[in-house]
Amino acid sequence: MVTAKLRRSGNSFIVTVPRDEVERLHLHEGQLVAVEVRAVEVRPVLSPALQALFDEVFAEIEPALRYLADR
């Protein structure tokens, strides 16, 4: 699945398909393609090492993080 930002162009909105995806699917300009449009939320995924470190220190820093979140 390709994710892309929706951009305005005049009175329309456009999404750009990355070149490597076009090449992978052997598409060409002018060809009709199917597009499924739905909103997605992209969240970063921590590496196992970074997740372990976060889990180790979270209890200690949680009050400070909550303080910052409330501001």
C-alpha atoms as a PDB file:
ATOM      1  CA  MET A   1       0.000   0.000   0.000  1.00  0.00           C
ATOM      2  CA  VAL A   2       1.221   3.469  -0.879  1.00  0.00           C
ATOM      3  CA  THR A   3       0.504   6.366   1.438  1.00  0.00           C
ATOM      4  CA  ALA A   4       0.718   9.945   0.206  1.00  0.00           C
ATOM      5  CA  LYS A   5      -0.354  13.438   1.188  1.00  0.00           C
ATOM      6  CA  LEU A   6      -3.421  14.924  -0.421  1.00  0.00           C
ATOM      7  CA  ARG A   7      -2.565  18.230  -2.141  1.00  0.00           C
ATOM      8  CA  ARG A   8      -4.687  20.941  -3.682  1.00  0.00           C
ATOM      9  CA  SER A   9      -4.302  21.824  -7.354  1.00  0.00           C
ATOM     10  CA  GLY A  10      -6.814  24.454  -8.424  1.00  0.00           C
ATOM     11  CA  ASN A  11     -10.292  23.158  -7.549  1.00  0.00           C
ATOM     12  CA  SER A  12      -9.088  19.554  -7.300  1.00  0.00           C
ATOM     13  CA  PHE A  13      -6.999  17.469  -4.964  1.00  0.00           C
ATOM     14  CA  ILE A  14      -4.150  15.261  -6.146  1.00  0.00           C
ATOM     15  CA  VAL A  15      -2.056  12.385  -4.854  1.00  0.00           C
ATOM     16  CA  THR A  16       1.305  11.569  -6.411  1.00  0.00           C
ATOM     17  CA  VAL A  17       2.268   7.946  -7.037  1.00  0.00           C
ATOM     18  CA  PRO A  18       5.983   7.344  -6.367  1.00  0.00           C
ATOM     19  CA  ARG A  19       8.053   6.453  -9.434  1.00  0.00           C
ATOM     20  CA  ASP A  20       9.297   3.179  -7.934  1.00  0.00           C
ATOM     21  CA  GLU A  21       5.685   2.053  -7.412  1.00  0.00           C
ATOM     22  CA  VAL A  22       4.808   2.950 -11.019  1.00  0.00           C
ATOM     23  CA  GLU A  23       7.818   1.005 -12.257  1.00  0.00           C
ATOM     24  CA  ARG A  24       7.135  -1.954  -9.967  1.00  0.00           C
ATOM     25  CA  LEU A  25       3.602  -2.247 -11.342  1.00  0.00           C
ATOM     26  CA  HIS A  26       4.702  -1.553 -14.953  1.00  0.00           C
ATOM     27  CA  LEU A  27       2.275   1.359 -15.255  1.00  0.00           C
ATOM     28  CA  HIS A  28       2.446   4.055 -17.893  1.00  0.00           C
ATOM     29  CA  GLU A  29       1.123   7.579 -18.329  1.00  0.00           C
ATOM     30  CA  GLY A  30      -2.510   7.667 -19.390  1.00  0.00           C
ATOM     31  CA  GLN A  31      -3.238   4.176 -18.081  1.00  0.00           C
ATOM     32  CA  LEU A  32      -6.340   3.827 -15.904  1.00  0.00           C
ATOM     33  CA  VAL A  33      -5.656   2.674 -12.352  1.00  0.00           C
ATOM     34  CA  ALA A  34      -7.889   1.891  -9.384  1.00  0.00           C
ATOM     35  CA  VAL A  35      -7.410   4.050  -6.304  1.00  0.00           C
ATOM     36  CA  GLU A  36      -8.810   3.317  -2.854  1.00  0.00           C
ATOM     37  CA  VAL A  37      -9.139   6.540  -0.893  1.00  0.00           C
ATOM     38  CA  ARG A  38      -9.306   6.447   2.897  1.00  0.00           C
ATOM     39  CA  ALA A  39      -7.735   8.387   5.717  1.00  0.00           C
ATOM     40  CA  VAL A  40      -4.804   6.730   7.483  1.00  0.00           C
ATOM     41  CA  GLU A  41      -2.910   7.577  10.613  1.00  0.00           C
ATOM     42  CA  VAL A  42       0.800   6.970  10.479  1.00  0.00           C
ATOM     43  CA  ARG A  43       2.574   6.470  13.784  1.00  0.00           C
ATOM     44  CA  PRO A  44       6.265   5.869  14.280  1.00  0.00           C
ATOM     45  CA  VAL A  45       7.303   2.423  15.459  1.00  0.00           C
ATOM     46  CA  LEU A  46      10.185   2.247  17.910  1.00  0.00           C
ATOM     47  CA  SER A  47      12.993  -0.218  17.357  1.00  0.00           C
ATOM     48  CA  PRO A  48      13.071  -3.015  19.967  1.00  0.00           C
ATOM     49  CA  ALA A  49      16.140  -1.467  21.639  1.00  0.00           C
ATOM     50  CA  LEU A  50      14.542   1.974  21.879  1.00  0.00           C
ATOM     51  CA  GLN A  51      11.238   0.493  23.105  1.00  0.00           C
ATOM     52  CA  ALA A  52      13.100  -1.402  25.830  1.00  0.00           C
ATOM     53  CA  LEU A  53      14.865   1.795  26.913  1.00  0.00           C
ATOM     54  CA  PHE A  54      11.586   3.716  26.941  1.00  0.00           C
ATOM     55  CA  ASP A  55       9.887   0.983  28.993  1.00  0.00           C
ATOM     56  CA  GLU A  56      12.790   1.115  31.452  1.00  0.00           C
ATOM     57  CA  VAL A  57      12.588   4.877  32.104  1.00  0.00           C
ATOM     58  CA  PHE A  58       8.909   5.662  31.489  1.00  0.00           C
ATOM     59  CA  ALA A  59       7.762   5.318  35.116  1.00  0.00           C
ATOM     60  CA  GLU A  60      10.442   7.790  36.172  1.00  0.00           C
ATOM     61  CA  ILE A  61       9.633  10.414  33.519  1.00  0.00           C
ATOM     62  CA  GLU A  62       5.861   9.941  33.295  1.00  0.00           C
ATOM     63  CA  PRO A  63       4.992  12.871  35.619  1.00  0.00           C
ATOM     64  CA  ALA A  64       7.114  15.251  33.530  1.00  0.00           C
ATOM     65  CA  LEU A  65       5.561  13.989  30.273  1.00  0.00           C
ATOM     66  CA  ARG A  66       2.044  14.424  31.666  1.00  0.00           C
ATOM     67  CA  TYR A  67       2.933  17.942  32.822  1.00  0.00           C
ATOM     68  CA  LEU A  68       4.135  18.826  29.299  1.00  0.00           C
ATOM     69  CA  ALA A  69       1.072  17.242  27.691  1.00  0.00           C
ATOM     70  CA  ASP A  70      -1.229  19.388  29.827  1.00  0.00           C
ATOM     71  CA  ARG A  71       0.452  22.645  28.774  1.00  0.00           C
END
